[in-house]
Amino acid sequence: MPMKNLLTPRLALCARYAAGAAILCDVGTDHGYLPISLLAEGKIEYAIAADIRPGPLASARRHAGEAGLEGKMRFELADGLAFPGAERADTVVCAGMGGETVAGILKRAPWTKEGVRLILQPQSKLDELCEWLGANGYAIRSAALAAEGERLYAVLSVLGGAEGFRYAEDALAAAGERLLGRWLEGRIRRLDRALAGMERGADAAEGISAARRTLARLKAYEGGSI
């Protein structure tokens, strides 16, 4: 079966954004399907597959060999981008991990601010990641949504060292994403529940204030006032 047929919708969207890379680094590569698919289709020149777990990395190496592409790939057992030569990558993909994990990976690799293209697909804490990116020299250039069953995933195209920051909602609305309304509804429901819990508990006032600002922004998008 062609590797591209093994990509889930969210990984296919990541692959679309990553096309054209000279050296792609796929952090948390798992089975290696993303870089292998891009190499097989001639959409990137070279790939580094990195994973913190030896099992998935061995699986990625095996799949690359089966596809006849092992010579165009490098395999690194590493935590994020903490391995020699990582900075050679012009495009970095971080998909399938929490927003706080993505921020931590980038924080430990400041070279990613130097014009590196980042394809980020956070599984959680999207707002926190967006705020961290804006405060630390990264700009969200565009974003899109992928549907897998009932769940929607946001994929961000981010540029290190670029001027201008915007939230994922800005980028999605600008793209006219057909799934935006459904995504906003779900996000608003979840944030409403989270905020109610925060207000009943002993969470810091700063956290409650940030959640309220986010909720107001989301509802403004939903109402079409932005």
N, C-alpha and C. Protein backbone atom coordinates (compact mmCIF):
# COMPACT_ATOMS: atom_id res chain seq x y z
N MET A 1 0.84 -1.20 0.00
CA MET A 1 0.00 0.00 0.00
C MET A 1 0.88 1.25 0.00
N PRO A 2 0.58 2.26 -0.85
CA PRO A 2 1.37 3.49 -0.84
C PRO A 2 1.34 4.14 0.53
N MET A 3 2.50 4.69 0.93
CA MET A 3 2.59 5.28 2.25
C MET A 3 1.59 6.42 2.46
N LYS A 4 1.29 7.17 1.41
CA LYS A 4 0.38 8.31 1.58
C LYS A 4 -1.00 7.84 2.03
N ASN A 5 -1.37 6.59 1.69
CA ASN A 5 -2.66 6.06 2.10
C ASN A 5 -2.68 5.69 3.57
N LEU A 6 -1.53 5.65 4.21
CA LEU A 6 -1.45 5.32 5.62
C LEU A 6 -1.51 6.57 6.50
N LEU A 7 -1.49 7.75 5.91
CA LEU A 7 -1.54 8.98 6.69
C LEU A 7 -2.97 9.26 7.14
N THR A 8 -3.13 9.53 8.42
CA THR A 8 -4.42 9.99 8.92
C THR A 8 -4.67 11.40 8.38
N PRO A 9 -5.91 11.88 8.43
CA PRO A 9 -6.18 13.25 7.93
C PRO A 9 -5.30 14.32 8.57
N ARG A 10 -5.03 14.21 9.88
CA ARG A 10 -4.21 15.24 10.50
C ARG A 10 -2.76 15.16 10.01
N LEU A 11 -2.24 13.94 9.82
CA LEU A 11 -0.88 13.81 9.31
C LEU A 11 -0.80 14.21 7.83
N ALA A 12 -1.86 13.94 7.08
CA ALA A 12 -1.88 14.37 5.68
C ALA A 12 -1.84 15.90 5.60
N LEU A 13 -2.51 16.57 6.53
CA LEU A 13 -2.48 18.03 6.56
C LEU A 13 -1.09 18.52 6.95
N CYS A 14 -0.45 17.86 7.92
CA CYS A 14 0.93 18.20 8.28
C CYS A 14 1.84 18.03 7.07
N ALA A 15 1.63 16.95 6.32
CA ALA A 15 2.45 16.67 5.14
C ALA A 15 2.28 17.75 4.09
N ARG A 16 1.06 18.23 3.93
CA ARG A 16 0.81 19.29 2.95
C ARG A 16 1.60 20.55 3.29
N TYR A 17 1.62 20.89 4.56
CA TYR A 17 2.36 22.07 5.01
C TYR A 17 3.87 21.87 4.91
N ALA A 18 4.33 20.64 5.09
CA ALA A 18 5.77 20.37 5.15
C ALA A 18 6.41 20.20 3.78
N ALA A 19 5.62 20.09 2.74
CA ALA A 19 6.16 19.87 1.39
C ALA A 19 7.15 20.97 1.02
N GLY A 20 8.20 20.59 0.32
CA GLY A 20 9.21 21.54 -0.12
C GLY A 20 10.41 21.64 0.79
N ALA A 21 10.41 20.89 1.88
CA ALA A 21 11.53 20.95 2.82
C ALA A 21 12.80 20.35 2.20
N ALA A 22 13.92 20.98 2.49
CA ALA A 22 15.20 20.40 2.10
C ALA A 22 15.58 19.32 3.10
N ILE A 23 15.50 19.66 4.38
CA ILE A 23 15.73 18.68 5.45
C ILE A 23 14.58 18.80 6.44
N LEU A 24 13.77 17.78 6.51
CA LEU A 24 12.63 17.75 7.42
C LEU A 24 12.99 16.95 8.66
N CYS A 25 12.67 17.48 9.83
CA CYS A 25 12.82 16.72 11.07
C CYS A 25 11.44 16.46 11.63
N ASP A 26 11.08 15.19 11.74
CA ASP A 26 9.78 14.80 12.29
C ASP A 26 9.99 14.34 13.72
N VAL A 27 9.60 15.20 14.67
CA VAL A 27 9.79 14.91 16.09
C VAL A 27 8.62 14.07 16.59
N GLY A 28 8.94 12.98 17.26
CA GLY A 28 7.89 12.05 17.67
C GLY A 28 7.35 11.30 16.46
N THR A 29 8.26 10.80 15.64
CA THR A 29 7.90 10.26 14.33
C THR A 29 7.01 9.03 14.37
N ASP A 30 7.02 8.31 15.50
CA ASP A 30 6.21 7.10 15.65
C ASP A 30 6.61 6.07 14.59
N HIS A 31 5.72 5.74 13.64
CA HIS A 31 6.05 4.74 12.63
C HIS A 31 6.79 5.32 11.42
N GLY A 32 7.00 6.62 11.42
CA GLY A 32 7.73 7.25 10.32
C GLY A 32 6.92 7.47 9.05
N TYR A 33 5.61 7.32 9.13
CA TYR A 33 4.79 7.43 7.92
C TYR A 33 4.85 8.81 7.27
N LEU A 34 4.91 9.87 8.08
CA LEU A 34 4.92 11.22 7.52
C LEU A 34 6.16 11.48 6.66
N PRO A 35 7.38 11.34 7.20
CA PRO A 35 8.54 11.61 6.35
C PRO A 35 8.69 10.61 5.20
N ILE A 36 8.31 9.35 5.43
CA ILE A 36 8.43 8.35 4.37
C ILE A 36 7.49 8.68 3.22
N SER A 37 6.29 9.09 3.53
CA SER A 37 5.32 9.47 2.49
C SER A 37 5.83 10.64 1.67
N LEU A 38 6.37 11.65 2.35
CA LEU A 38 6.87 12.84 1.65
C LEU A 38 8.07 12.50 0.78
N LEU A 39 8.95 11.65 1.27
CA LEU A 39 10.11 11.24 0.47
C LEU A 39 9.67 10.41 -0.74
N ALA A 40 8.74 9.50 -0.52
CA ALA A 40 8.28 8.63 -1.60
C ALA A 40 7.64 9.42 -2.73
N GLU A 41 7.00 10.54 -2.39
CA GLU A 41 6.34 11.37 -3.39
C GLU A 41 7.26 12.46 -3.94
N GLY A 42 8.51 12.49 -3.47
CA GLY A 42 9.46 13.47 -3.95
C GLY A 42 9.17 14.89 -3.48
N LYS A 43 8.48 15.03 -2.37
CA LYS A 43 8.08 16.36 -1.89
C LYS A 43 9.08 16.97 -0.91
N ILE A 44 10.01 16.17 -0.43
CA ILE A 44 11.10 16.67 0.40
C ILE A 44 12.37 15.97 -0.06
N GLU A 45 13.52 16.52 0.32
CA GLU A 45 14.79 15.96 -0.14
C GLU A 45 15.39 14.96 0.85
N TYR A 46 15.23 15.22 2.13
CA TYR A 46 15.87 14.38 3.14
C TYR A 46 15.06 14.51 4.42
N ALA A 47 15.12 13.49 5.27
CA ALA A 47 14.33 13.52 6.50
C ALA A 47 15.12 12.98 7.68
N ILE A 48 14.87 13.57 8.83
CA ILE A 48 15.36 13.07 10.11
C ILE A 48 14.14 12.62 10.89
N ALA A 49 14.11 11.36 11.28
CA ALA A 49 13.02 10.82 12.09
C ALA A 49 13.52 10.71 13.52
N ALA A 50 12.88 11.42 14.44
CA ALA A 50 13.32 11.42 15.83
C ALA A 50 12.20 10.95 16.74
N ASP A 51 12.55 10.17 17.74
CA ASP A 51 11.55 9.73 18.72
C ASP A 51 12.27 9.43 20.02
N ILE A 52 11.57 9.65 21.11
CA ILE A 52 12.15 9.39 22.43
C ILE A 52 12.08 7.92 22.80
N ARG A 53 11.28 7.15 22.05
CA ARG A 53 11.09 5.73 22.35
C ARG A 53 11.78 4.86 21.30
N PRO A 54 12.52 3.86 21.72
CA PRO A 54 13.24 3.02 20.74
C PRO A 54 12.32 2.17 19.87
N GLY A 55 11.20 1.70 20.43
CA GLY A 55 10.30 0.86 19.66
C GLY A 55 9.75 1.54 18.41
N PRO A 56 9.12 2.70 18.54
CA PRO A 56 8.62 3.40 17.37
C PRO A 56 9.72 3.77 16.39
N LEU A 57 10.90 4.12 16.90
CA LEU A 57 11.99 4.49 16.00
C LEU A 57 12.43 3.28 15.18
N ALA A 58 12.47 2.11 15.81
CA ALA A 58 12.82 0.90 15.08
C ALA A 58 11.77 0.60 14.01
N SER A 59 10.51 0.87 14.34
CA SER A 59 9.43 0.68 13.37
C SER A 59 9.60 1.62 12.19
N ALA A 60 9.96 2.87 12.47
CA ALA A 60 10.18 3.84 11.39
C ALA A 60 11.33 3.40 10.49
N ARG A 61 12.39 2.92 11.09
CA ARG A 61 13.55 2.45 10.31
C ARG A 61 13.14 1.26 9.42
N ARG A 62 12.35 0.37 9.98
CA ARG A 62 11.90 -0.79 9.20
C ARG A 62 11.03 -0.37 8.02
N HIS A 63 10.10 0.54 8.26
CA HIS A 63 9.23 1.00 7.19
C HIS A 63 10.02 1.73 6.09
N ALA A 64 11.01 2.50 6.52
CA ALA A 64 11.85 3.20 5.53
C ALA A 64 12.60 2.20 4.66
N GLY A 65 13.10 1.13 5.30
CA GLY A 65 13.80 0.10 4.54
C GLY A 65 12.88 -0.59 3.56
N GLU A 66 11.65 -0.87 3.99
CA GLU A 66 10.68 -1.53 3.11
C GLU A 66 10.32 -0.65 1.92
N ALA A 67 10.38 0.66 2.12
CA ALA A 67 10.06 1.59 1.03
C ALA A 67 11.28 1.93 0.19
N GLY A 68 12.46 1.38 0.57
CA GLY A 68 13.68 1.68 -0.17
C GLY A 68 14.18 3.09 0.04
N LEU A 69 13.87 3.66 1.20
CA LEU A 69 14.19 5.07 1.44
C LEU A 69 15.14 5.28 2.62
N GLU A 70 15.64 4.21 3.20
CA GLU A 70 16.46 4.36 4.40
C GLU A 70 17.68 5.23 4.14
N GLY A 71 18.21 5.22 2.90
CA GLY A 71 19.37 6.05 2.58
C GLY A 71 19.08 7.53 2.55
N LYS A 72 17.81 7.89 2.53
CA LYS A 72 17.43 9.31 2.52
C LYS A 72 16.93 9.77 3.88
N MET A 73 17.15 8.92 4.89
CA MET A 73 16.67 9.25 6.22
C MET A 73 17.75 9.02 7.27
N ARG A 74 17.63 9.77 8.34
CA ARG A 74 18.48 9.61 9.51
C ARG A 74 17.55 9.36 10.69
N PHE A 75 17.94 8.50 11.60
CA PHE A 75 17.09 8.11 12.72
C PHE A 75 17.77 8.48 14.03
N GLU A 76 17.05 9.23 14.87
CA GLU A 76 17.63 9.72 16.11
C GLU A 76 16.75 9.35 17.30
N LEU A 77 17.33 8.64 18.25
CA LEU A 77 16.67 8.36 19.52
C LEU A 77 16.96 9.55 20.43
N ALA A 78 15.98 10.42 20.59
CA ALA A 78 16.26 11.68 21.29
C ALA A 78 14.98 12.27 21.88
N ASP A 79 15.17 13.14 22.85
CA ASP A 79 14.08 13.90 23.45
C ASP A 79 13.93 15.19 22.65
N GLY A 80 12.92 15.26 21.82
CA GLY A 80 12.71 16.45 21.01
C GLY A 80 13.80 16.65 19.98
N LEU A 81 14.42 17.84 20.01
CA LEU A 81 15.47 18.19 19.06
C LEU A 81 16.85 18.14 19.70
N ALA A 82 16.97 17.40 20.80
CA ALA A 82 18.23 17.34 21.54
C ALA A 82 19.15 16.27 20.97
N PHE A 83 19.66 16.49 19.76
CA PHE A 83 20.63 15.58 19.17
C PHE A 83 21.53 16.37 18.24
N PRO A 84 22.77 15.93 18.02
CA PRO A 84 23.71 16.67 17.18
C PRO A 84 23.19 16.80 15.74
N GLY A 85 23.31 18.00 15.19
CA GLY A 85 22.93 18.23 13.80
C GLY A 85 21.47 18.54 13.60
N ALA A 86 20.69 18.61 14.67
CA ALA A 86 19.26 18.91 14.52
C ALA A 86 19.04 20.24 13.83
N GLU A 87 19.95 21.19 14.09
CA GLU A 87 19.78 22.55 13.55
C GLU A 87 19.94 22.61 12.03
N ARG A 88 20.33 21.52 11.39
CA ARG A 88 20.41 21.51 9.92
C ARG A 88 19.02 21.49 9.29
N ALA A 89 18.01 21.10 10.06
CA ALA A 89 16.66 21.02 9.52
C ALA A 89 16.11 22.40 9.21
N ASP A 90 15.51 22.55 8.04
CA ASP A 90 14.85 23.81 7.71
C ASP A 90 13.36 23.75 8.01
N THR A 91 12.84 22.54 8.26
CA THR A 91 11.43 22.35 8.59
C THR A 91 11.33 21.32 9.71
N VAL A 92 10.56 21.65 10.75
CA VAL A 92 10.39 20.77 11.89
C VAL A 92 8.90 20.50 12.09
N VAL A 93 8.55 19.24 12.23
CA VAL A 93 7.16 18.84 12.51
C VAL A 93 7.08 18.32 13.93
N CYS A 94 6.14 18.86 14.70
CA CYS A 94 5.82 18.34 16.04
C CYS A 94 4.33 18.05 16.04
N ALA A 95 3.95 16.80 15.91
CA ALA A 95 2.55 16.43 15.81
C ALA A 95 2.20 15.37 16.84
N GLY A 96 0.97 15.45 17.35
CA GLY A 96 0.48 14.41 18.25
C GLY A 96 0.96 14.51 19.67
N MET A 97 1.33 15.69 20.12
CA MET A 97 1.77 15.88 21.51
C MET A 97 1.12 17.13 22.08
N GLY A 98 1.15 17.26 23.40
CA GLY A 98 0.53 18.40 24.05
C GLY A 98 1.23 19.71 23.73
N GLY A 99 0.47 20.80 23.79
CA GLY A 99 1.03 22.11 23.50
C GLY A 99 2.18 22.48 24.40
N GLU A 100 2.11 22.06 25.67
CA GLU A 100 3.20 22.37 26.60
C GLU A 100 4.46 21.59 26.22
N THR A 101 4.29 20.39 25.69
CA THR A 101 5.44 19.61 25.25
C THR A 101 6.09 20.26 24.03
N VAL A 102 5.26 20.73 23.09
CA VAL A 102 5.78 21.42 21.91
C VAL A 102 6.58 22.65 22.33
N ALA A 103 6.01 23.45 23.23
CA ALA A 103 6.71 24.66 23.69
C ALA A 103 8.03 24.30 24.34
N GLY A 104 8.06 23.22 25.13
CA GLY A 104 9.29 22.81 25.78
C GLY A 104 10.36 22.40 24.78
N ILE A 105 9.95 21.70 23.73
CA ILE A 105 10.90 21.28 22.69
C ILE A 105 11.52 22.50 22.02
N LEU A 106 10.69 23.48 21.69
CA LEU A 106 11.19 24.68 21.01
C LEU A 106 12.04 25.54 21.95
N LYS A 107 11.64 25.59 23.21
CA LYS A 107 12.41 26.37 24.19
C LYS A 107 13.83 25.85 24.31
N ARG A 108 13.99 24.54 24.21
CA ARG A 108 15.32 23.93 24.32
C ARG A 108 16.08 23.95 23.00
N ALA A 109 15.47 24.47 21.96
CA ALA A 109 16.12 24.55 20.65
C ALA A 109 15.94 25.96 20.08
N PRO A 110 16.59 26.97 20.68
CA PRO A 110 16.41 28.35 20.26
C PRO A 110 16.78 28.62 18.80
N TRP A 111 17.53 27.74 18.19
CA TRP A 111 17.88 27.92 16.77
C TRP A 111 16.64 27.86 15.88
N THR A 112 15.54 27.31 16.40
CA THR A 112 14.32 27.26 15.59
C THR A 112 13.72 28.64 15.35
N LYS A 113 14.23 29.65 16.06
CA LYS A 113 13.76 31.02 15.83
C LYS A 113 14.39 31.64 14.59
N GLU A 114 15.39 30.98 14.03
CA GLU A 114 16.18 31.57 12.95
C GLU A 114 15.63 31.20 11.57
N GLY A 115 14.37 31.52 11.35
CA GLY A 115 13.76 31.30 10.04
C GLY A 115 13.35 29.88 9.75
N VAL A 116 13.28 29.04 10.77
CA VAL A 116 12.88 27.64 10.58
C VAL A 116 11.36 27.57 10.44
N ARG A 117 10.89 26.74 9.51
CA ARG A 117 9.46 26.53 9.35
C ARG A 117 9.03 25.42 10.29
N LEU A 118 7.99 25.67 11.07
CA LEU A 118 7.50 24.72 12.05
C LEU A 118 6.07 24.32 11.71
N ILE A 119 5.82 23.02 11.70
CA ILE A 119 4.48 22.51 11.49
C ILE A 119 4.06 21.88 12.81
N LEU A 120 3.11 22.51 13.49
CA LEU A 120 2.75 22.11 14.85
C LEU A 120 1.30 21.63 14.90
N GLN A 121 1.10 20.46 15.50
CA GLN A 121 -0.25 19.92 15.67
C GLN A 121 -0.40 19.51 17.13
N PRO A 122 -0.77 20.50 17.97
CA PRO A 122 -0.91 20.21 19.40
C PRO A 122 -2.20 19.45 19.69
N GLN A 123 -2.10 18.48 20.58
CA GLN A 123 -3.27 17.71 20.99
C GLN A 123 -4.05 18.41 22.11
N SER A 124 -3.41 19.36 22.77
CA SER A 124 -4.03 20.05 23.90
C SER A 124 -3.32 21.39 24.09
N LYS A 125 -3.92 22.23 24.95
CA LYS A 125 -3.34 23.51 25.35
C LYS A 125 -2.96 24.38 24.14
N LEU A 126 -3.86 24.48 23.19
CA LEU A 126 -3.61 25.28 22.00
C LEU A 126 -3.40 26.75 22.35
N ASP A 127 -4.27 27.30 23.22
CA ASP A 127 -4.14 28.72 23.57
C ASP A 127 -2.82 29.01 24.25
N GLU A 128 -2.42 28.14 25.17
CA GLU A 128 -1.16 28.35 25.86
C GLU A 128 0.01 28.31 24.88
N LEU A 129 -0.05 27.39 23.92
CA LEU A 129 1.01 27.31 22.92
C LEU A 129 1.04 28.57 22.06
N CYS A 130 -0.13 29.04 21.62
CA CYS A 130 -0.19 30.24 20.79
C CYS A 130 0.41 31.45 21.52
N GLU A 131 0.05 31.59 22.79
CA GLU A 131 0.59 32.72 23.57
C GLU A 131 2.09 32.58 23.74
N TRP A 132 2.56 31.37 23.98
CA TRP A 132 4.00 31.17 24.14
C TRP A 132 4.73 31.50 22.84
N LEU A 133 4.21 31.07 21.72
CA LEU A 133 4.84 31.35 20.43
C LEU A 133 4.96 32.86 20.22
N GLY A 134 3.86 33.58 20.46
CA GLY A 134 3.88 35.02 20.25
C GLY A 134 4.84 35.76 21.16
N ALA A 135 5.03 35.23 22.36
CA ALA A 135 5.92 35.88 23.34
C ALA A 135 7.38 35.52 23.13
N ASN A 136 7.65 34.55 22.26
CA ASN A 136 9.02 34.04 22.15
C ASN A 136 9.58 34.06 20.73
N GLY A 137 9.07 34.95 19.88
CA GLY A 137 9.70 35.16 18.58
C GLY A 137 9.24 34.26 17.46
N TYR A 138 8.03 33.70 17.58
CA TYR A 138 7.48 32.87 16.51
C TYR A 138 6.16 33.47 16.03
N ALA A 139 5.85 33.31 14.76
CA ALA A 139 4.61 33.85 14.21
C ALA A 139 3.81 32.74 13.53
N ILE A 140 2.52 32.67 13.85
CA ILE A 140 1.63 31.74 13.17
C ILE A 140 1.28 32.36 11.82
N ARG A 141 1.67 31.70 10.75
CA ARG A 141 1.44 32.23 9.41
C ARG A 141 0.12 31.75 8.83
N SER A 142 -0.23 30.51 9.10
CA SER A 142 -1.50 29.98 8.64
C SER A 142 -1.87 28.78 9.49
N ALA A 143 -3.12 28.34 9.34
CA ALA A 143 -3.60 27.20 10.10
C ALA A 143 -4.76 26.56 9.36
N ALA A 144 -4.99 25.28 9.63
CA ALA A 144 -6.11 24.58 9.02
C ALA A 144 -6.54 23.48 9.97
N LEU A 145 -7.71 22.91 9.68
CA LEU A 145 -8.28 21.87 10.52
C LEU A 145 -8.42 20.56 9.76
N ALA A 146 -8.24 19.48 10.50
CA ALA A 146 -8.45 18.14 9.94
C ALA A 146 -9.44 17.41 10.83
N ALA A 147 -10.37 16.70 10.22
CA ALA A 147 -11.38 15.95 10.97
C ALA A 147 -11.04 14.47 10.94
N GLU A 148 -11.07 13.86 12.13
CA GLU A 148 -10.93 12.41 12.26
C GLU A 148 -12.06 11.93 13.14
N GLY A 149 -13.08 11.37 12.52
CA GLY A 149 -14.27 11.00 13.27
C GLY A 149 -14.94 12.25 13.82
N GLU A 150 -15.19 12.26 15.11
CA GLU A 150 -15.84 13.41 15.74
C GLU A 150 -14.83 14.46 16.22
N ARG A 151 -13.56 14.15 16.09
CA ARG A 151 -12.56 15.08 16.63
C ARG A 151 -11.94 15.93 15.54
N LEU A 152 -11.69 17.20 15.88
CA LEU A 152 -11.04 18.12 14.96
C LEU A 152 -9.66 18.48 15.50
N TYR A 153 -8.69 18.52 14.60
CA TYR A 153 -7.31 18.84 14.97
C TYR A 153 -6.87 20.10 14.23
N ALA A 154 -6.25 21.01 14.97
CA ALA A 154 -5.69 22.21 14.36
C ALA A 154 -4.22 21.96 14.03
N VAL A 155 -3.83 22.35 12.83
CA VAL A 155 -2.43 22.27 12.41
C VAL A 155 -1.96 23.68 12.11
N LEU A 156 -0.86 24.09 12.72
CA LEU A 156 -0.33 25.45 12.59
C LEU A 156 0.93 25.45 11.74
N SER A 157 1.03 26.40 10.84
CA SER A 157 2.28 26.64 10.12
C SER A 157 2.91 27.88 10.74
N VAL A 158 4.06 27.70 11.35
CA VAL A 158 4.69 28.73 12.17
C VAL A 158 6.08 29.02 11.62
N LEU A 159 6.47 30.29 11.67
CA LEU A 159 7.81 30.66 11.21
C LEU A 159 8.59 31.28 12.34
N GLY A 160 9.77 30.74 12.60
CA GLY A 160 10.63 31.30 13.63
C GLY A 160 11.27 32.59 13.16
N GLY A 161 11.31 33.58 14.03
CA GLY A 161 11.95 34.84 13.70
C GLY A 161 11.13 35.75 12.82
N ALA A 162 9.87 35.43 12.60
CA ALA A 162 9.02 36.25 11.73
C ALA A 162 8.29 37.32 12.54
N GLU A 163 8.01 38.41 11.88
CA GLU A 163 7.25 39.48 12.53
C GLU A 163 5.76 39.17 12.40
N GLY A 164 5.01 39.58 13.40
CA GLY A 164 3.56 39.43 13.33
C GLY A 164 3.11 38.12 13.93
N PHE A 165 2.24 38.22 14.93
CA PHE A 165 1.73 37.04 15.61
C PHE A 165 0.22 37.07 15.56
N ARG A 166 -0.37 35.89 15.40
CA ARG A 166 -1.82 35.83 15.51
C ARG A 166 -2.21 34.49 16.10
N TYR A 167 -3.39 34.48 16.68
CA TYR A 167 -3.92 33.25 17.25
C TYR A 167 -4.33 32.29 16.14
N ALA A 168 -4.45 31.02 16.51
CA ALA A 168 -4.88 30.02 15.54
C ALA A 168 -6.23 30.40 14.94
N GLU A 169 -7.12 30.97 15.75
CA GLU A 169 -8.44 31.35 15.24
C GLU A 169 -8.32 32.39 14.13
N ASP A 170 -7.37 33.33 14.27
CA ASP A 170 -7.15 34.33 13.22
C ASP A 170 -6.79 33.65 11.91
N ALA A 171 -5.84 32.73 11.99
CA ALA A 171 -5.35 32.07 10.79
C ALA A 171 -6.42 31.19 10.17
N LEU A 172 -7.19 30.51 11.01
CA LEU A 172 -8.25 29.65 10.49
C LEU A 172 -9.34 30.47 9.82
N ALA A 173 -9.73 31.58 10.45
CA ALA A 173 -10.77 32.42 9.87
C ALA A 173 -10.30 33.02 8.55
N ALA A 174 -9.03 33.41 8.49
CA ALA A 174 -8.49 34.00 7.26
C ALA A 174 -8.48 32.99 6.13
N ALA A 175 -8.33 31.72 6.48
CA ALA A 175 -8.29 30.67 5.47
C ALA A 175 -9.68 30.25 5.02
N GLY A 176 -10.73 30.74 5.73
CA GLY A 176 -12.08 30.36 5.38
C GLY A 176 -12.33 28.88 5.60
N GLU A 177 -11.73 28.32 6.65
CA GLU A 177 -11.83 26.88 6.90
C GLU A 177 -13.27 26.46 7.13
N ARG A 178 -13.73 25.48 6.34
CA ARG A 178 -15.13 25.05 6.41
C ARG A 178 -15.47 24.39 7.74
N LEU A 179 -14.47 23.90 8.47
CA LEU A 179 -14.71 23.24 9.74
C LEU A 179 -14.62 24.20 10.93
N LEU A 180 -14.38 25.47 10.66
CA LEU A 180 -14.12 26.41 11.75
C LEU A 180 -15.30 26.50 12.71
N GLY A 181 -16.54 26.60 12.18
CA GLY A 181 -17.70 26.73 13.06
C GLY A 181 -17.84 25.56 14.01
N ARG A 182 -17.68 24.36 13.50
CA ARG A 182 -17.77 23.16 14.34
C ARG A 182 -16.67 23.13 15.38
N TRP A 183 -15.48 23.53 14.97
CA TRP A 183 -14.34 23.55 15.89
C TRP A 183 -14.56 24.58 17.01
N LEU A 184 -15.04 25.77 16.65
CA LEU A 184 -15.29 26.80 17.64
C LEU A 184 -16.34 26.37 18.65
N GLU A 185 -17.40 25.74 18.17
CA GLU A 185 -18.47 25.27 19.08
C GLU A 185 -17.90 24.32 20.12
N GLY A 186 -17.11 23.37 19.68
CA GLY A 186 -16.53 22.42 20.62
C GLY A 186 -15.58 23.07 21.59
N ARG A 187 -14.77 24.00 21.10
CA ARG A 187 -13.80 24.69 21.97
C ARG A 187 -14.54 25.55 23.00
N ILE A 188 -15.60 26.20 22.60
CA ILE A 188 -16.35 27.05 23.52
C ILE A 188 -17.00 26.20 24.61
N ARG A 189 -17.57 25.06 24.24
CA ARG A 189 -18.17 24.17 25.24
C ARG A 189 -17.14 23.71 26.26
N ARG A 190 -15.98 23.29 25.76
CA ARG A 190 -14.95 22.80 26.68
C ARG A 190 -14.44 23.91 27.59
N LEU A 191 -14.25 25.09 27.03
CA LEU A 191 -13.72 26.19 27.84
C LEU A 191 -14.76 26.69 28.84
N ASP A 192 -16.04 26.68 28.46
CA ASP A 192 -17.11 27.03 29.41
C ASP A 192 -17.07 26.11 30.62
N ARG A 193 -16.93 24.81 30.36
CA ARG A 193 -16.88 23.84 31.47
C ARG A 193 -15.63 24.06 32.32
N ALA A 194 -14.50 24.28 31.66
CA ALA A 194 -13.25 24.48 32.39
C ALA A 194 -13.32 25.74 33.25
N LEU A 195 -13.88 26.80 32.70
CA LEU A 195 -13.96 28.07 33.43
C LEU A 195 -14.87 27.93 34.64
N ALA A 196 -15.98 27.21 34.47
CA ALA A 196 -16.89 27.00 35.60
C ALA A 196 -16.17 26.25 36.73
N GLY A 197 -15.36 25.26 36.37
CA GLY A 197 -14.61 24.53 37.37
C GLY A 197 -13.57 25.40 38.05
N MET A 198 -12.91 26.26 37.27
CA MET A 198 -11.90 27.15 37.83
C MET A 198 -12.53 28.12 38.83
N GLU A 199 -13.70 28.64 38.48
CA GLU A 199 -14.34 29.63 39.34
C GLU A 199 -14.86 29.01 40.64
N ARG A 200 -15.18 27.71 40.60
CA ARG A 200 -15.63 27.02 41.82
C ARG A 200 -14.44 26.64 42.70
N GLY A 201 -13.29 26.50 42.08
CA GLY A 201 -12.12 26.07 42.82
C GLY A 201 -11.27 27.22 43.31
N ALA A 202 -9.98 26.94 43.47
CA ALA A 202 -9.08 27.95 44.02
C ALA A 202 -8.02 28.34 43.01
N ASP A 203 -8.38 28.31 41.71
CA ASP A 203 -7.41 28.66 40.69
C ASP A 203 -7.05 30.14 40.77
N ALA A 204 -5.85 30.47 40.33
CA ALA A 204 -5.37 31.84 40.39
C ALA A 204 -6.24 32.75 39.54
N ALA A 205 -6.41 33.96 40.01
CA ALA A 205 -7.23 34.94 39.29
C ALA A 205 -6.69 35.20 37.89
N GLU A 206 -5.36 35.13 37.75
CA GLU A 206 -4.75 35.36 36.45
C GLU A 206 -5.19 34.30 35.44
N GLY A 207 -5.27 33.06 35.89
CA GLY A 207 -5.70 31.99 35.00
C GLY A 207 -7.15 32.14 34.60
N ILE A 208 -7.99 32.54 35.54
CA ILE A 208 -9.41 32.75 35.24
C ILE A 208 -9.57 33.90 34.26
N SER A 209 -8.81 34.97 34.45
CA SER A 209 -8.88 36.12 33.55
C SER A 209 -8.46 35.74 32.14
N ALA A 210 -7.39 34.94 32.02
CA ALA A 210 -6.93 34.51 30.70
C ALA A 210 -7.98 33.64 30.03
N ALA A 211 -8.61 32.75 30.80
CA ALA A 211 -9.64 31.88 30.24
C ALA A 211 -10.83 32.70 29.76
N ARG A 212 -11.20 33.72 30.52
CA ARG A 212 -12.32 34.57 30.11
C ARG A 212 -12.00 35.33 28.83
N ARG A 213 -10.77 35.81 28.70
CA ARG A 213 -10.38 36.51 27.47
C ARG A 213 -10.45 35.58 26.27
N THR A 214 -9.96 34.36 26.47
CA THR A 214 -10.00 33.38 25.38
C THR A 214 -11.44 33.07 25.00
N LEU A 215 -12.30 32.88 25.99
CA LEU A 215 -13.69 32.56 25.72
C LEU A 215 -14.38 33.70 24.98
N ALA A 216 -14.09 34.92 25.38
CA ALA A 216 -14.69 36.08 24.69
C ALA A 216 -14.23 36.14 23.24
N ARG A 217 -12.95 35.84 23.01
CA ARG A 217 -12.43 35.86 21.64
C ARG A 217 -13.09 34.78 20.79
N LEU A 218 -13.24 33.60 21.34
CA LEU A 218 -13.87 32.50 20.62
C LEU A 218 -15.32 32.81 20.28
N LYS A 219 -16.05 33.39 21.23
CA LYS A 219 -17.46 33.71 20.98
C LYS A 219 -17.59 34.82 19.96
N ALA A 220 -16.62 35.74 19.93
CA ALA A 220 -16.64 36.79 18.91
C ALA A 220 -16.46 36.19 17.53
N TYR A 221 -15.57 35.20 17.42
CA TYR A 221 -15.40 34.51 16.14
C TYR A 221 -16.66 33.79 15.73
N GLU A 222 -17.27 33.10 16.72
CA GLU A 222 -18.46 32.33 16.43
C GLU A 222 -19.58 33.23 15.94
N GLY A 223 -19.65 34.43 16.51
CA GLY A 223 -20.71 35.36 16.11
C GLY A 223 -20.39 36.15 14.85
N GLY A 224 -19.21 35.95 14.32
CA GLY A 224 -18.84 36.63 13.08
C GLY A 224 -18.49 38.08 13.25
N SER A 225 -18.14 38.48 14.49
CA SER A 225 -17.84 39.90 14.72
C SER A 225 -16.36 40.21 14.53
N ILE A 226 -15.56 39.21 14.18
CA ILE A 226 -14.13 39.45 13.93
C ILE A 226 -13.81 39.03 12.51
